[in-house]
Every structure is written in C-alpha cells, then in structure tokens.
Amino acid sequence: MLRGLAPSGRLRPRGAPHKPDVLSRIADQQRNCARFSHAMRALSDSSERIHALRCADVAARSAAGASVRKPARPISVTLKALSCTKSAMTTPYATTAPTRAEVDALAGATVLEFGTDWCGYCRGAQSVIGEAFAAHEALRHLKIEDGPGRPLGRSFKVKLWPTLIFLRDGVEVARVVRPTEAEPLREGLNALA
C-alpha cells in the first residue's frame, strides 16, 4: 500500500480521507487567534481601541461572506475591574499581566483566573464560571493568560488551567482548579465575604 503525506507532515494510508474542511477551519481559527493576540499586545492599554478593532474585523469578515459573531463588549487588559457578566466570561485572557507586587497590593476582593484561549478545559469551564459569578457583578475578575515564562502564574504555582485564585487584600483565601460545577466556585466566593 502506497502512502502519501498528510498536511501535518505525517504519513497517511492511501485512500485515507484528507478532510480539508476541518484543516481549513483550524487554520482559520489559528489565524484569527494570532491576529487578535497581536492586536492585544499592540493596544494593551486601550480596551476601546481593541473593541473597535474587533468590530472592524467582524465587519470585514461579514463583508467577505464569513459567518461571524458579534464581538463582546470592550475588555480590560490592565488592573481595571471586569464585571462578571456573561459577556465578561467570553472575553479572552489578557496577554499582559500585572506583577506579583501589584497583585499583592490590590485592596478588596479579587479573582485571578489563569488559563489560555486555546485551552479546551478553559473554554468548557466558562459557562460554569459565568453561572457562579452572575450574582457578583462588582467583583474584580482578572483573566490572565498563563504559560511557560509567565511569572505571575509561576509565583502562584499554577499547574493546571483554568485555575481561579480568590484573593482578599492580595492574600489567597481559596483556589479552584478546573471547575466542572458551580458549587466550588460559590464556596470560593463565600470565602471572600
């Protein structure tokens, strides 16, 4: 049996389906993620500009005939408080993170959520997180991208994503790793009270 190279560079059996539609969708998602990550780094201080960029991107893709979703409200990539509404749960993780000293100096209740936009566990947990945080609109919730070489996640010894760390005046009072139901998150929120 002759073999051909699959698009991934691996050998595939002759006659094996290529499924270009799946591969093209993955490539489109990677391009969109890279485009958005680049925009986040370039405009990290201005959530209004990022929102305008996302709206322009949606308009351009709509004009090209692609199916698109309406962009979420402007996001915050600094220490500004995010309201914990359903749209806040769909915002991407911020690529710029505060320092550990800035986090330790935060007054009041704060929740740090470590993860990445491409993490399946992180995406799957967003509905549970949104459900648990629905009653806590005023709570400061910072979604921070984590990974190798990210000092804030290492300082909190984050090993799995998503990890939610509940802080009261910069001191950890609770931690929830990979939530699958809302109850552990509610307990963490109660620990902040």
N, C-alpha and C. Protein backbone atom coordinates (compact mmCIF):
# COMPACT_ATOMS: atom_id res chain seq x y z
N MET A 1 0.85 -1.18 0.00
CA MET A 1 0.00 0.00 0.00
C MET A 1 0.89 1.24 0.00
N LEU A 2 0.65 2.13 -0.94
CA LEU A 2 1.40 3.37 -1.01
C LEU A 2 0.86 4.36 0.01
N ARG A 3 1.74 5.20 0.45
CA ARG A 3 1.34 6.20 1.43
C ARG A 3 1.62 7.58 0.88
N GLY A 4 0.84 8.54 1.34
CA GLY A 4 1.06 9.93 0.99
C GLY A 4 1.26 10.75 2.25
N LEU A 5 1.76 11.94 2.08
CA LEU A 5 1.95 12.80 3.24
C LEU A 5 0.65 13.53 3.55
N ALA A 6 0.27 13.48 4.78
CA ALA A 6 -0.88 14.27 5.24
C ALA A 6 -0.43 15.72 5.37
N PRO A 7 -1.36 16.67 5.38
CA PRO A 7 -0.97 18.07 5.54
C PRO A 7 -0.14 18.32 6.79
N SER A 8 -0.28 17.48 7.80
CA SER A 8 0.50 17.67 9.03
C SER A 8 1.93 17.19 8.87
N GLY A 9 2.24 16.55 7.72
CA GLY A 9 3.58 16.04 7.51
C GLY A 9 3.72 14.58 7.89
N ARG A 10 2.70 13.99 8.47
CA ARG A 10 2.75 12.58 8.84
C ARG A 10 2.25 11.74 7.67
N LEU A 11 2.70 10.50 7.66
CA LEU A 11 2.24 9.59 6.61
C LEU A 11 0.81 9.17 6.89
N ARG A 12 0.03 9.08 5.83
CA ARG A 12 -1.33 8.57 5.98
C ARG A 12 -1.53 7.47 4.97
N PRO A 13 -2.37 6.48 5.28
CA PRO A 13 -2.60 5.39 4.34
C PRO A 13 -3.24 5.90 3.06
N ARG A 14 -2.94 5.23 1.97
CA ARG A 14 -3.52 5.60 0.69
C ARG A 14 -5.04 5.48 0.78
N GLY A 15 -5.70 6.50 0.28
CA GLY A 15 -7.15 6.50 0.29
C GLY A 15 -7.75 7.03 1.58
N ALA A 16 -6.91 7.35 2.56
CA ALA A 16 -7.44 7.90 3.81
C ALA A 16 -8.01 9.28 3.55
N PRO A 17 -9.13 9.61 4.17
CA PRO A 17 -9.74 10.92 3.92
C PRO A 17 -8.84 12.06 4.39
N HIS A 18 -8.84 13.11 3.62
CA HIS A 18 -7.99 14.27 3.90
C HIS A 18 -8.71 15.28 4.79
N LYS A 19 -10.02 15.42 4.69
CA LYS A 19 -10.85 16.34 5.45
C LYS A 19 -10.31 17.78 5.42
N PRO A 20 -10.24 18.37 4.24
CA PRO A 20 -9.69 19.72 4.17
C PRO A 20 -10.56 20.75 4.88
N ASP A 21 -11.87 20.50 5.00
CA ASP A 21 -12.71 21.47 5.67
C ASP A 21 -12.33 21.62 7.15
N VAL A 22 -11.99 20.53 7.81
CA VAL A 22 -11.59 20.58 9.21
C VAL A 22 -10.24 21.30 9.33
N LEU A 23 -9.31 20.97 8.46
CA LEU A 23 -7.99 21.60 8.50
C LEU A 23 -8.08 23.08 8.20
N SER A 24 -8.92 23.46 7.26
CA SER A 24 -9.03 24.89 6.94
C SER A 24 -9.69 25.65 8.09
N ARG A 25 -10.65 25.02 8.78
CA ARG A 25 -11.26 25.68 9.93
C ARG A 25 -10.25 25.88 11.05
N ILE A 26 -9.40 24.87 11.28
CA ILE A 26 -8.36 25.00 12.31
C ILE A 26 -7.39 26.11 11.93
N ALA A 27 -6.99 26.15 10.66
CA ALA A 27 -6.07 27.19 10.21
C ALA A 27 -6.70 28.57 10.36
N ASP A 28 -8.00 28.70 10.04
CA ASP A 28 -8.69 29.99 10.20
C ASP A 28 -8.72 30.41 11.67
N GLN A 29 -9.00 29.45 12.56
CA GLN A 29 -9.02 29.77 13.99
C GLN A 29 -7.65 30.22 14.48
N GLN A 30 -6.59 29.56 14.00
CA GLN A 30 -5.24 29.94 14.41
C GLN A 30 -4.90 31.33 13.89
N ARG A 31 -5.29 31.64 12.64
CA ARG A 31 -5.01 32.97 12.10
C ARG A 31 -5.78 34.03 12.88
N ASN A 32 -7.05 33.76 13.18
CA ASN A 32 -7.84 34.73 13.95
C ASN A 32 -7.27 34.93 15.34
N CYS A 33 -6.83 33.84 15.98
CA CYS A 33 -6.25 33.94 17.31
C CYS A 33 -4.95 34.74 17.26
N ALA A 34 -4.11 34.48 16.25
CA ALA A 34 -2.86 35.21 16.12
C ALA A 34 -3.13 36.69 15.85
N ARG A 35 -4.12 36.97 15.01
CA ARG A 35 -4.46 38.36 14.69
C ARG A 35 -4.92 39.08 15.96
N PHE A 36 -5.76 38.43 16.75
CA PHE A 36 -6.28 39.06 17.96
C PHE A 36 -5.17 39.20 19.01
N SER A 37 -4.30 38.19 19.14
CA SER A 37 -3.20 38.27 20.10
C SER A 37 -2.27 39.42 19.75
N HIS A 38 -2.01 39.58 18.46
CA HIS A 38 -1.15 40.69 18.02
C HIS A 38 -1.80 42.02 18.39
N ALA A 39 -3.10 42.14 18.16
CA ALA A 39 -3.81 43.37 18.49
C ALA A 39 -3.79 43.63 19.99
N MET A 40 -3.92 42.58 20.80
CA MET A 40 -3.88 42.74 22.26
C MET A 40 -2.53 43.28 22.70
N ARG A 41 -1.45 42.74 22.14
CA ARG A 41 -0.12 43.21 22.54
C ARG A 41 0.10 44.65 22.09
N ALA A 42 -0.35 44.99 20.89
CA ALA A 42 -0.10 46.32 20.34
C ALA A 42 -0.92 47.39 21.05
N LEU A 43 -2.12 47.03 21.52
CA LEU A 43 -3.03 48.02 22.10
C LEU A 43 -3.43 47.65 23.52
N SER A 44 -2.48 47.18 24.30
CA SER A 44 -2.82 46.62 25.61
C SER A 44 -3.43 47.63 26.57
N ASP A 45 -3.23 48.92 26.35
CA ASP A 45 -3.73 49.90 27.31
C ASP A 45 -5.12 50.41 26.98
N SER A 46 -5.64 50.14 25.82
CA SER A 46 -6.88 50.77 25.42
C SER A 46 -7.93 49.75 25.02
N SER A 47 -8.83 49.44 25.93
CA SER A 47 -9.86 48.45 25.61
C SER A 47 -10.84 48.97 24.56
N GLU A 48 -11.04 50.28 24.50
CA GLU A 48 -11.94 50.83 23.47
C GLU A 48 -11.36 50.62 22.08
N ARG A 49 -10.04 50.81 21.94
CA ARG A 49 -9.42 50.59 20.63
C ARG A 49 -9.48 49.13 20.23
N ILE A 50 -9.30 48.25 21.21
CA ILE A 50 -9.39 46.82 20.91
C ILE A 50 -10.80 46.47 20.47
N HIS A 51 -11.80 47.00 21.15
CA HIS A 51 -13.18 46.74 20.76
C HIS A 51 -13.44 47.26 19.34
N ALA A 52 -12.92 48.43 19.03
CA ALA A 52 -13.09 48.99 17.69
C ALA A 52 -12.41 48.10 16.65
N LEU A 53 -11.24 47.57 16.98
CA LEU A 53 -10.53 46.67 16.08
C LEU A 53 -11.33 45.40 15.85
N ARG A 54 -11.88 44.86 16.94
CA ARG A 54 -12.68 43.63 16.80
C ARG A 54 -13.93 43.89 15.98
N CYS A 55 -14.57 45.05 16.17
CA CYS A 55 -15.76 45.38 15.39
C CYS A 55 -15.40 45.53 13.91
N ALA A 56 -14.26 46.15 13.64
CA ALA A 56 -13.82 46.30 12.25
C ALA A 56 -13.51 44.94 11.64
N ASP A 57 -12.89 44.05 12.43
CA ASP A 57 -12.59 42.71 11.95
C ASP A 57 -13.87 41.95 11.63
N VAL A 58 -14.88 42.07 12.51
CA VAL A 58 -16.17 41.42 12.28
C VAL A 58 -16.82 41.97 11.02
N ALA A 59 -16.76 43.29 10.85
CA ALA A 59 -17.36 43.90 9.67
C ALA A 59 -16.66 43.43 8.40
N ALA A 60 -15.34 43.33 8.44
CA ALA A 60 -14.59 42.88 7.27
C ALA A 60 -14.92 41.43 6.93
N ARG A 61 -14.99 40.58 7.96
CA ARG A 61 -15.32 39.18 7.69
C ARG A 61 -16.76 39.03 7.24
N SER A 62 -17.67 39.87 7.75
CA SER A 62 -19.06 39.83 7.30
C SER A 62 -19.16 40.22 5.84
N ALA A 63 -18.41 41.25 5.46
CA ALA A 63 -18.42 41.69 4.07
C ALA A 63 -17.86 40.61 3.15
N ALA A 64 -16.93 39.81 3.66
CA ALA A 64 -16.35 38.74 2.86
C ALA A 64 -17.26 37.52 2.80
N GLY A 65 -18.37 37.53 3.53
CA GLY A 65 -19.33 36.44 3.48
C GLY A 65 -19.13 35.38 4.54
N ALA A 66 -18.19 35.59 5.46
CA ALA A 66 -17.96 34.61 6.52
C ALA A 66 -19.01 34.79 7.62
N SER A 67 -19.36 33.69 8.28
CA SER A 67 -20.29 33.81 9.40
C SER A 67 -19.50 34.29 10.60
N VAL A 68 -20.02 35.28 11.29
CA VAL A 68 -19.31 35.89 12.42
C VAL A 68 -20.26 36.10 13.58
N ARG A 69 -19.66 36.20 14.77
CA ARG A 69 -20.42 36.54 15.96
C ARG A 69 -20.18 38.00 16.28
N LYS A 70 -21.15 38.60 16.92
CA LYS A 70 -20.99 39.98 17.38
C LYS A 70 -19.90 40.00 18.45
N PRO A 71 -18.95 40.95 18.39
CA PRO A 71 -17.89 40.97 19.39
C PRO A 71 -18.42 41.31 20.77
N ALA A 72 -17.74 40.80 21.76
CA ALA A 72 -18.10 41.11 23.15
C ALA A 72 -17.78 42.57 23.44
N ARG A 73 -18.29 43.05 24.56
CA ARG A 73 -18.03 44.43 24.95
C ARG A 73 -16.54 44.65 25.12
N PRO A 74 -16.07 45.88 25.21
CA PRO A 74 -14.64 46.13 25.37
C PRO A 74 -14.08 45.39 26.58
N ILE A 75 -12.85 44.91 26.44
CA ILE A 75 -12.23 44.15 27.52
C ILE A 75 -11.14 44.97 28.19
N SER A 76 -10.75 44.55 29.35
CA SER A 76 -9.69 45.22 30.08
C SER A 76 -8.48 44.32 30.13
N VAL A 77 -7.32 44.88 29.85
CA VAL A 77 -6.09 44.10 29.90
C VAL A 77 -5.16 44.60 31.01
N THR A 78 -5.63 45.54 31.81
CA THR A 78 -4.84 46.01 32.95
C THR A 78 -5.60 45.65 34.21
N LEU A 79 -5.34 46.34 35.29
CA LEU A 79 -5.99 46.01 36.55
C LEU A 79 -7.38 46.59 36.71
N LYS A 80 -7.97 47.11 35.63
CA LYS A 80 -9.34 47.60 35.71
C LYS A 80 -10.26 46.43 36.01
N ALA A 81 -11.32 46.69 36.77
CA ALA A 81 -12.24 45.62 37.14
C ALA A 81 -13.09 45.20 35.95
N LEU A 82 -13.25 43.89 35.79
CA LEU A 82 -14.16 43.35 34.78
C LEU A 82 -15.45 42.99 35.49
N SER A 83 -16.57 43.37 34.92
CA SER A 83 -17.81 42.91 35.52
C SER A 83 -18.02 41.47 35.10
N CYS A 84 -18.58 40.69 36.01
CA CYS A 84 -18.69 39.26 35.77
C CYS A 84 -20.02 38.91 35.13
N THR A 85 -20.28 39.48 33.99
CA THR A 85 -21.49 39.15 33.25
C THR A 85 -21.15 38.04 32.27
N LYS A 86 -22.15 37.58 31.55
CA LYS A 86 -21.92 36.52 30.59
C LYS A 86 -20.90 36.96 29.54
N SER A 87 -20.96 38.23 29.10
CA SER A 87 -20.00 38.68 28.10
C SER A 87 -18.59 38.74 28.66
N ALA A 88 -18.44 39.02 29.96
CA ALA A 88 -17.10 39.02 30.56
C ALA A 88 -16.52 37.62 30.57
N MET A 89 -17.37 36.61 30.69
CA MET A 89 -16.89 35.25 30.68
C MET A 89 -16.42 34.83 29.30
N THR A 90 -16.84 35.53 28.25
CA THR A 90 -16.41 35.19 26.89
C THR A 90 -15.24 36.03 26.44
N THR A 91 -14.74 36.93 27.28
CA THR A 91 -13.60 37.75 26.89
C THR A 91 -12.34 36.89 26.92
N PRO A 92 -11.39 37.18 26.05
CA PRO A 92 -10.16 36.40 26.05
C PRO A 92 -9.28 36.72 27.25
N TYR A 93 -8.34 35.83 27.49
CA TYR A 93 -7.39 36.04 28.56
C TYR A 93 -6.42 37.15 28.16
N ALA A 94 -6.11 38.04 29.09
CA ALA A 94 -5.21 39.16 28.82
C ALA A 94 -3.78 38.64 28.70
N THR A 95 -3.09 39.08 27.66
CA THR A 95 -1.71 38.63 27.44
C THR A 95 -0.72 39.43 28.28
N THR A 96 -1.13 40.60 28.75
CA THR A 96 -0.27 41.36 29.66
C THR A 96 -0.78 41.17 31.07
N ALA A 97 0.14 40.89 31.96
CA ALA A 97 -0.26 40.59 33.34
C ALA A 97 0.40 41.58 34.30
N PRO A 98 -0.28 41.85 35.40
CA PRO A 98 0.35 42.68 36.43
C PRO A 98 1.48 41.91 37.10
N THR A 99 2.32 42.61 37.82
CA THR A 99 3.39 41.94 38.56
C THR A 99 2.80 41.35 39.85
N ARG A 100 3.55 40.49 40.48
CA ARG A 100 3.09 39.90 41.74
C ARG A 100 2.94 40.99 42.80
N ALA A 101 3.83 41.97 42.80
CA ALA A 101 3.75 43.06 43.78
C ALA A 101 2.46 43.86 43.58
N GLU A 102 2.06 44.10 42.33
CA GLU A 102 0.81 44.82 42.07
C GLU A 102 -0.40 44.02 42.54
N VAL A 103 -0.36 42.71 42.33
CA VAL A 103 -1.47 41.85 42.78
C VAL A 103 -1.53 41.83 44.31
N ASP A 104 -0.38 41.72 44.96
CA ASP A 104 -0.35 41.70 46.42
C ASP A 104 -0.85 43.02 47.02
N ALA A 105 -0.74 44.12 46.27
CA ALA A 105 -1.17 45.43 46.75
C ALA A 105 -2.65 45.72 46.48
N LEU A 106 -3.35 44.81 45.79
CA LEU A 106 -4.76 45.05 45.49
C LEU A 106 -5.59 45.05 46.77
N ALA A 107 -6.45 46.04 46.87
CA ALA A 107 -7.34 46.12 48.03
C ALA A 107 -8.67 45.49 47.68
N GLY A 108 -9.29 44.83 48.64
CA GLY A 108 -10.61 44.26 48.43
C GLY A 108 -10.53 42.87 47.81
N ALA A 109 -11.69 42.43 47.32
CA ALA A 109 -11.82 41.08 46.76
C ALA A 109 -11.43 41.09 45.29
N THR A 110 -10.66 40.08 44.91
CA THR A 110 -10.21 39.92 43.52
C THR A 110 -10.19 38.44 43.20
N VAL A 111 -10.53 38.10 41.96
CA VAL A 111 -10.38 36.73 41.48
C VAL A 111 -9.45 36.76 40.29
N LEU A 112 -8.37 35.99 40.37
CA LEU A 112 -7.46 35.82 39.24
C LEU A 112 -7.81 34.50 38.57
N GLU A 113 -8.02 34.55 37.27
CA GLU A 113 -8.30 33.33 36.51
C GLU A 113 -7.15 33.12 35.53
N PHE A 114 -6.42 32.04 35.71
CA PHE A 114 -5.30 31.72 34.83
C PHE A 114 -5.73 30.67 33.82
N GLY A 115 -5.38 30.88 32.56
CA GLY A 115 -5.71 29.92 31.51
C GLY A 115 -5.24 30.47 30.17
N THR A 116 -5.72 29.86 29.10
CA THR A 116 -5.42 30.35 27.75
C THR A 116 -6.68 30.23 26.90
N ASP A 117 -6.71 30.99 25.82
CA ASP A 117 -7.87 30.97 24.94
C ASP A 117 -8.00 29.65 24.17
N TRP A 118 -6.89 28.97 23.93
CA TRP A 118 -6.95 27.73 23.16
C TRP A 118 -7.17 26.49 24.02
N CYS A 119 -7.19 26.64 25.32
CA CYS A 119 -7.35 25.51 26.25
C CYS A 119 -8.81 25.03 26.26
N GLY A 120 -9.02 23.78 25.95
CA GLY A 120 -10.37 23.22 25.94
C GLY A 120 -11.02 23.22 27.31
N TYR A 121 -10.24 22.93 28.35
CA TYR A 121 -10.77 22.96 29.71
C TYR A 121 -11.23 24.37 30.07
N CYS A 122 -10.44 25.37 29.66
CA CYS A 122 -10.78 26.77 29.97
C CYS A 122 -12.07 27.17 29.28
N ARG A 123 -12.19 26.83 28.00
CA ARG A 123 -13.41 27.17 27.26
C ARG A 123 -14.61 26.43 27.83
N GLY A 124 -14.43 25.16 28.21
CA GLY A 124 -15.53 24.39 28.76
C GLY A 124 -16.00 24.89 30.11
N ALA A 125 -15.10 25.47 30.89
CA ALA A 125 -15.44 25.94 32.24
C ALA A 125 -16.11 27.31 32.23
N GLN A 126 -16.11 28.04 31.12
CA GLN A 126 -16.62 29.41 31.11
C GLN A 126 -18.10 29.49 31.47
N SER A 127 -18.91 28.51 31.05
CA SER A 127 -20.34 28.57 31.40
C SER A 127 -20.53 28.38 32.91
N VAL A 128 -19.75 27.49 33.51
CA VAL A 128 -19.84 27.26 34.97
C VAL A 128 -19.37 28.50 35.71
N ILE A 129 -18.28 29.10 35.24
CA ILE A 129 -17.76 30.31 35.88
C ILE A 129 -18.77 31.44 35.76
N GLY A 130 -19.36 31.59 34.59
CA GLY A 130 -20.37 32.63 34.39
C GLY A 130 -21.57 32.44 35.29
N GLU A 131 -22.00 31.19 35.47
CA GLU A 131 -23.13 30.89 36.35
C GLU A 131 -22.82 31.26 37.79
N ALA A 132 -21.62 30.89 38.27
CA ALA A 132 -21.26 31.15 39.66
C ALA A 132 -21.06 32.64 39.92
N PHE A 133 -20.55 33.38 38.94
CA PHE A 133 -20.23 34.79 39.15
C PHE A 133 -21.38 35.72 38.80
N ALA A 134 -22.50 35.18 38.33
CA ALA A 134 -23.62 36.02 37.88
C ALA A 134 -24.13 36.95 38.98
N ALA A 135 -24.10 36.52 40.20
CA ALA A 135 -24.62 37.34 41.30
C ALA A 135 -23.56 38.29 41.89
N HIS A 136 -22.37 38.30 41.33
CA HIS A 136 -21.27 39.11 41.87
C HIS A 136 -20.75 40.07 40.79
N GLU A 137 -21.62 40.98 40.37
CA GLU A 137 -21.30 41.91 39.28
C GLU A 137 -20.11 42.82 39.60
N ALA A 138 -19.96 43.26 40.84
CA ALA A 138 -18.94 44.25 41.18
C ALA A 138 -17.58 43.64 41.51
N LEU A 139 -17.48 42.34 41.52
CA LEU A 139 -16.24 41.67 41.89
C LEU A 139 -15.17 41.88 40.81
N ARG A 140 -13.95 42.20 41.23
CA ARG A 140 -12.83 42.35 40.29
C ARG A 140 -12.40 40.96 39.84
N HIS A 141 -12.49 40.69 38.53
CA HIS A 141 -12.17 39.39 37.97
C HIS A 141 -11.18 39.60 36.84
N LEU A 142 -9.95 39.15 37.03
CA LEU A 142 -8.90 39.33 36.03
C LEU A 142 -8.59 38.01 35.37
N LYS A 143 -8.80 37.95 34.05
CA LYS A 143 -8.47 36.75 33.27
C LYS A 143 -7.08 36.97 32.68
N ILE A 144 -6.14 36.13 33.09
CA ILE A 144 -4.74 36.32 32.72
C ILE A 144 -4.23 35.08 32.00
N GLU A 145 -3.66 35.32 30.81
CA GLU A 145 -3.09 34.21 30.05
C GLU A 145 -1.86 33.67 30.77
N ASP A 146 -1.78 32.36 30.86
CA ASP A 146 -0.68 31.72 31.56
C ASP A 146 0.08 30.83 30.59
N GLY A 147 1.27 30.46 30.97
CA GLY A 147 2.08 29.58 30.14
C GLY A 147 3.53 29.65 30.59
N PRO A 148 4.41 28.93 29.88
CA PRO A 148 5.82 28.95 30.22
C PRO A 148 6.39 30.37 30.13
N GLY A 149 7.16 30.73 31.11
CA GLY A 149 7.78 32.05 31.12
C GLY A 149 6.88 33.16 31.61
N ARG A 150 5.69 32.83 32.09
CA ARG A 150 4.77 33.84 32.63
C ARG A 150 4.97 33.88 34.15
N PRO A 151 5.61 34.94 34.66
CA PRO A 151 6.00 34.94 36.08
C PRO A 151 4.84 34.96 37.07
N LEU A 152 3.72 35.59 36.72
CA LEU A 152 2.63 35.67 37.70
C LEU A 152 2.05 34.28 37.98
N GLY A 153 1.81 33.51 36.95
CA GLY A 153 1.30 32.15 37.15
C GLY A 153 2.28 31.28 37.93
N ARG A 154 3.58 31.45 37.65
CA ARG A 154 4.58 30.67 38.38
C ARG A 154 4.63 31.08 39.84
N SER A 155 4.44 32.37 40.12
CA SER A 155 4.50 32.81 41.52
C SER A 155 3.34 32.25 42.33
N PHE A 156 2.21 31.96 41.67
CA PHE A 156 1.07 31.34 42.36
C PHE A 156 1.09 29.82 42.24
N LYS A 157 2.15 29.28 41.63
CA LYS A 157 2.31 27.82 41.46
C LYS A 157 1.14 27.20 40.70
N VAL A 158 0.70 27.85 39.62
CA VAL A 158 -0.38 27.34 38.79
C VAL A 158 0.16 26.18 37.97
N LYS A 159 -0.52 25.04 38.03
CA LYS A 159 -0.10 23.84 37.29
C LYS A 159 -1.11 23.46 36.21
N LEU A 160 -2.41 23.65 36.48
CA LEU A 160 -3.45 23.26 35.53
C LEU A 160 -4.32 24.46 35.21
N TRP A 161 -4.96 24.45 34.05
CA TRP A 161 -5.85 25.53 33.63
C TRP A 161 -7.27 25.02 33.50
N PRO A 162 -8.26 25.81 33.74
CA PRO A 162 -8.18 27.10 34.39
C PRO A 162 -8.01 26.95 35.90
N THR A 163 -7.26 27.86 36.47
CA THR A 163 -7.11 27.95 37.92
C THR A 163 -7.63 29.31 38.35
N LEU A 164 -8.59 29.31 39.28
CA LEU A 164 -9.13 30.55 39.82
C LEU A 164 -8.62 30.73 41.23
N ILE A 165 -7.99 31.87 41.49
CA ILE A 165 -7.44 32.17 42.80
C ILE A 165 -8.23 33.33 43.38
N PHE A 166 -8.82 33.12 44.53
CA PHE A 166 -9.64 34.12 45.21
C PHE A 166 -8.77 34.85 46.22
N LEU A 167 -8.66 36.17 46.06
CA LEU A 167 -7.78 36.98 46.91
C LEU A 167 -8.59 37.99 47.70
N ARG A 168 -8.22 38.18 48.96
CA ARG A 168 -8.77 39.24 49.80
C ARG A 168 -7.58 40.10 50.22
N ASP A 169 -7.55 41.35 49.75
CA ASP A 169 -6.45 42.28 50.02
C ASP A 169 -5.09 41.68 49.63
N GLY A 170 -5.06 41.00 48.47
CA GLY A 170 -3.81 40.46 47.95
C GLY A 170 -3.37 39.14 48.54
N VAL A 171 -4.17 38.57 49.46
CA VAL A 171 -3.82 37.30 50.11
C VAL A 171 -4.78 36.22 49.63
N GLU A 172 -4.24 35.07 49.22
CA GLU A 172 -5.07 33.98 48.73
C GLU A 172 -5.91 33.38 49.86
N VAL A 173 -7.24 33.30 49.61
CA VAL A 173 -8.13 32.69 50.60
C VAL A 173 -8.75 31.40 50.08
N ALA A 174 -8.75 31.21 48.76
CA ALA A 174 -9.30 29.98 48.19
C ALA A 174 -8.74 29.81 46.79
N ARG A 175 -8.82 28.56 46.29
CA ARG A 175 -8.34 28.23 44.95
C ARG A 175 -9.22 27.13 44.39
N VAL A 176 -9.60 27.27 43.12
CA VAL A 176 -10.38 26.24 42.44
C VAL A 176 -9.67 25.93 41.13
N VAL A 177 -9.41 24.64 40.90
CA VAL A 177 -8.71 24.20 39.70
C VAL A 177 -9.66 23.38 38.84
N ARG A 178 -9.75 23.74 37.56
CA ARG A 178 -10.60 23.06 36.57
C ARG A 178 -12.02 22.80 37.09
N PRO A 179 -12.76 23.86 37.32
CA PRO A 179 -14.12 23.67 37.83
C PRO A 179 -15.03 23.01 36.79
N THR A 180 -15.83 22.05 37.25
CA THR A 180 -16.82 21.42 36.37
C THR A 180 -18.24 21.71 36.84
N GLU A 181 -18.36 22.26 38.03
CA GLU A 181 -19.66 22.68 38.55
C GLU A 181 -19.48 23.97 39.33
N ALA A 182 -20.59 24.66 39.57
CA ALA A 182 -20.53 25.99 40.17
C ALA A 182 -20.31 25.99 41.68
N GLU A 183 -20.59 24.90 42.36
CA GLU A 183 -20.53 24.88 43.82
C GLU A 183 -19.14 25.21 44.39
N PRO A 184 -18.04 24.61 43.88
CA PRO A 184 -16.73 25.00 44.43
C PRO A 184 -16.42 26.49 44.20
N LEU A 185 -16.90 27.04 43.10
CA LEU A 185 -16.70 28.47 42.85
C LEU A 185 -17.49 29.31 43.83
N ARG A 186 -18.70 28.90 44.14
CA ARG A 186 -19.51 29.62 45.14
C ARG A 186 -18.84 29.59 46.50
N GLU A 187 -18.24 28.45 46.85
CA GLU A 187 -17.52 28.36 48.12
C GLU A 187 -16.34 29.33 48.14
N GLY A 188 -15.63 29.43 47.01
CA GLY A 188 -14.55 30.39 46.92
C GLY A 188 -15.03 31.83 47.05
N LEU A 189 -16.17 32.11 46.43
CA LEU A 189 -16.76 33.46 46.53
C LEU A 189 -17.20 33.74 47.96
N ASN A 190 -17.73 32.73 48.64
CA ASN A 190 -18.12 32.89 50.05
C ASN A 190 -16.91 33.14 50.94
N ALA A 191 -15.77 32.55 50.59
CA ALA A 191 -14.55 32.77 51.37
C ALA A 191 -14.07 34.23 51.28
N LEU A 192 -14.47 34.91 50.21
CA LEU A 192 -14.10 36.33 50.06
C LEU A 192 -14.92 37.25 50.94
N ALA A 193 -16.11 36.78 51.35
CA ALA A 193 -17.01 37.64 52.14
C ALA A 193 -16.53 37.85 53.55
